[in-house]
Amino acid sequence: MFRTLILSGSLVLAAALPAGAEPLKTLLVDGQNNHNWKAVSPLLKKSLEACGRFTVDVATTPQDKTKMGEFKPDFSKYAVVVSNYNGDLWPKETRKALENYMTGGGGLVIVHAADNAFSQWAEFNKMIGLGGWGRRNEKSGPM
């Protein structure tokens, strides 16, 4: 069972951090999107950190797709991954790392158009549980 949350249209802010609890270490992934990720990602980071429940690191993919092989974030260091990404396919090693992270109990938040990403990546389709864009059809999951 995957733990995935998909946000579209509004950001859900978490309640204040309980006394003595550590903030959740969060990785925000961006770098490509059909929407303005350069404007949205800083707002996501600011909103998440402002509530006090999260610390946020950002992993930005290379803009040059020939350098995508260099994109290898360590998902295992984080309690949750927030995806604001919709672009070129990640390297096989990075995709496998996210799959392992998720099957190991990691959390994933998909922000708006990030559910358009990776239509041909079967495991990603299982993680997000839906999708109707990017050449997806009924074989990819519910639309």
Protein backbone atom coordinates (compact mmCIF):
# COMPACT_ATOMS: atom_id res chain seq x y z
CA MET A 1 0.00 0.00 0.00
CA PHE A 2 1.35 3.39 -1.00
CA ARG A 3 0.78 6.57 0.98
CA THR A 4 0.18 9.28 -1.58
CA LEU A 5 -1.64 12.62 -1.39
CA ILE A 6 -2.52 14.60 -4.49
CA LEU A 7 -3.03 18.35 -4.14
CA SER A 8 -4.68 20.47 -6.80
CA GLY A 9 -5.98 23.98 -6.54
CA SER A 10 -5.13 24.69 -2.91
CA LEU A 11 -2.48 23.86 -0.37
CA VAL A 12 -3.56 22.02 2.75
CA LEU A 13 -1.67 23.34 5.76
CA ALA A 14 -0.91 20.98 8.60
CA ALA A 15 -1.75 21.66 12.21
CA ALA A 16 0.97 22.97 14.51
CA LEU A 17 3.74 20.59 15.55
CA PRO A 18 2.98 18.84 18.85
CA ALA A 19 5.28 19.81 21.74
CA GLY A 20 8.53 17.84 21.67
CA ALA A 21 7.97 16.39 18.19
CA GLU A 22 10.60 16.74 15.48
CA PRO A 23 9.56 18.34 12.18
CA LEU A 24 9.18 15.92 9.28
CA LYS A 25 12.15 15.98 6.95
CA THR A 26 10.72 16.71 3.50
CA LEU A 27 12.18 16.63 0.00
CA LEU A 28 10.57 18.87 -2.61
CA VAL A 29 11.34 17.69 -6.16
CA ASP A 30 11.10 20.15 -9.04
CA GLY A 31 12.97 21.27 -12.15
CA GLN A 32 10.44 20.80 -14.94
CA ASN A 33 6.70 21.27 -15.18
CA ASN A 34 4.11 22.53 -17.64
CA HIS A 35 3.21 25.07 -14.94
CA ASN A 36 5.53 27.67 -13.39
CA TRP A 37 7.50 25.49 -10.97
CA LYS A 38 10.04 28.29 -10.40
CA ALA A 39 7.28 30.37 -8.78
CA VAL A 40 5.36 27.54 -7.11
CA SER A 41 8.19 25.59 -5.45
CA PRO A 42 9.37 28.48 -3.23
CA LEU A 43 5.75 29.03 -2.13
CA LEU A 44 5.34 25.34 -1.30
CA LYS A 45 8.58 25.34 0.68
CA LYS A 46 7.64 28.52 2.55
CA SER A 47 4.13 27.24 3.37
CA LEU A 48 5.35 23.87 4.61
CA GLU A 49 8.08 25.36 6.78
CA ALA A 50 5.85 28.17 8.11
CA CYS A 51 3.55 25.74 9.88
CA GLY A 52 6.51 24.32 11.81
CA ARG A 53 5.80 20.66 11.01
CA PHE A 54 8.30 20.34 8.16
CA THR A 55 11.87 21.05 7.20
CA VAL A 56 12.23 21.18 3.43
CA ASP A 57 15.16 20.44 1.14
CA VAL A 58 14.77 20.97 -2.61
CA ALA A 59 16.06 18.65 -5.33
CA THR A 60 15.97 20.30 -8.76
CA THR A 61 16.47 18.15 -11.84
CA PRO A 62 18.98 19.23 -14.49
CA GLN A 63 17.43 21.38 -17.20
CA ASP A 64 19.56 19.62 -19.81
CA LYS A 65 17.98 16.18 -20.33
CA THR A 66 21.39 14.75 -21.31
CA LYS A 67 22.45 15.36 -17.69
CA MET A 68 19.39 13.69 -16.11
CA GLY A 69 21.60 10.73 -15.16
CA GLU A 70 23.13 13.00 -12.51
CA PHE A 71 19.78 13.35 -10.72
CA LYS A 72 20.02 10.94 -7.78
CA PRO A 73 18.34 12.32 -4.64
CA ASP A 74 18.52 10.14 -1.52
CA PHE A 75 14.81 9.68 -0.85
CA SER A 76 15.56 7.46 2.14
CA LYS A 77 16.62 10.51 4.21
CA TYR A 78 13.09 11.91 4.16
CA ALA A 79 9.74 11.21 5.79
CA VAL A 80 7.92 12.63 2.78
CA VAL A 81 8.65 13.52 -0.83
CA VAL A 82 6.65 16.36 -2.39
CA SER A 83 6.63 16.29 -6.18
CA ASN A 84 6.17 19.50 -8.13
CA TYR A 85 7.68 17.77 -11.17
CA ASN A 86 6.29 16.98 -14.60
CA GLY A 87 9.01 16.53 -17.19
CA ASP A 88 11.68 14.24 -18.58
CA LEU A 89 11.87 10.68 -17.30
CA TRP A 90 14.24 10.18 -14.38
CA PRO A 91 17.09 7.69 -14.71
CA LYS A 92 16.25 4.06 -13.97
CA GLU A 93 18.33 4.16 -10.76
CA THR A 94 16.36 7.17 -9.47
CA ARG A 95 13.01 5.62 -10.36
CA LYS A 96 13.98 2.41 -8.55
CA ALA A 97 15.08 4.43 -5.52
CA LEU A 98 11.65 6.10 -5.33
CA GLU A 99 9.93 2.72 -5.72
CA ASN A 100 12.01 1.30 -2.85
CA TYR A 101 11.32 4.37 -0.72
CA MET A 102 7.58 4.01 -1.25
CA THR A 103 7.42 0.25 -0.66
CA GLY A 104 9.47 0.85 2.49
CA GLY A 105 6.77 3.14 3.90
CA GLY A 106 7.77 6.54 2.53
CA GLY A 107 5.17 9.22 1.88
CA LEU A 108 4.55 10.98 -1.41
CA VAL A 109 2.62 14.19 -2.11
CA ILE A 110 1.80 14.96 -5.75
CA VAL A 111 1.14 18.65 -6.42
CA HIS A 112 -1.28 19.50 -9.22
CA ALA A 113 0.35 18.77 -12.62
CA ALA A 114 2.88 16.36 -11.12
CA ASP A 115 0.24 13.68 -11.62
CA ASN A 116 0.88 14.14 -15.36
CA ALA A 117 4.46 12.90 -15.03
CA PHE A 118 5.83 9.54 -16.09
CA SER A 119 2.82 8.06 -17.89
CA GLN A 120 4.85 5.07 -19.08
CA TRP A 121 6.30 4.28 -15.61
CA ALA A 122 3.95 1.56 -14.31
CA GLU A 123 5.05 1.82 -10.67
CA PHE A 124 4.53 5.59 -10.63
CA ASN A 125 1.02 5.05 -11.96
CA LYS A 126 0.42 2.69 -9.04
CA MET A 127 1.84 5.26 -6.59
CA ILE A 128 -0.45 8.06 -7.75
CA GLY A 129 -3.44 5.79 -8.35
CA LEU A 130 -4.87 7.93 -11.13
CA GLY A 131 -4.07 9.96 -14.17
CA GLY A 132 -5.71 10.96 -17.40
CA TRP A 133 -2.93 12.81 -19.18
CA GLY A 134 0.34 12.05 -20.88
CA ARG A 135 -0.97 9.29 -23.15
CA ARG A 136 -2.48 7.41 -20.19
CA ASN A 137 -5.50 5.27 -20.82
CA GLU A 138 -7.63 2.83 -18.84
CA LYS A 139 -4.66 0.41 -18.72
CA SER A 140 -2.70 2.97 -16.66
CA GLY A 141 -5.27 3.02 -13.86
CA PRO A 142 -8.43 4.98 -13.06
CA MET A 143 -8.89 8.11 -15.12
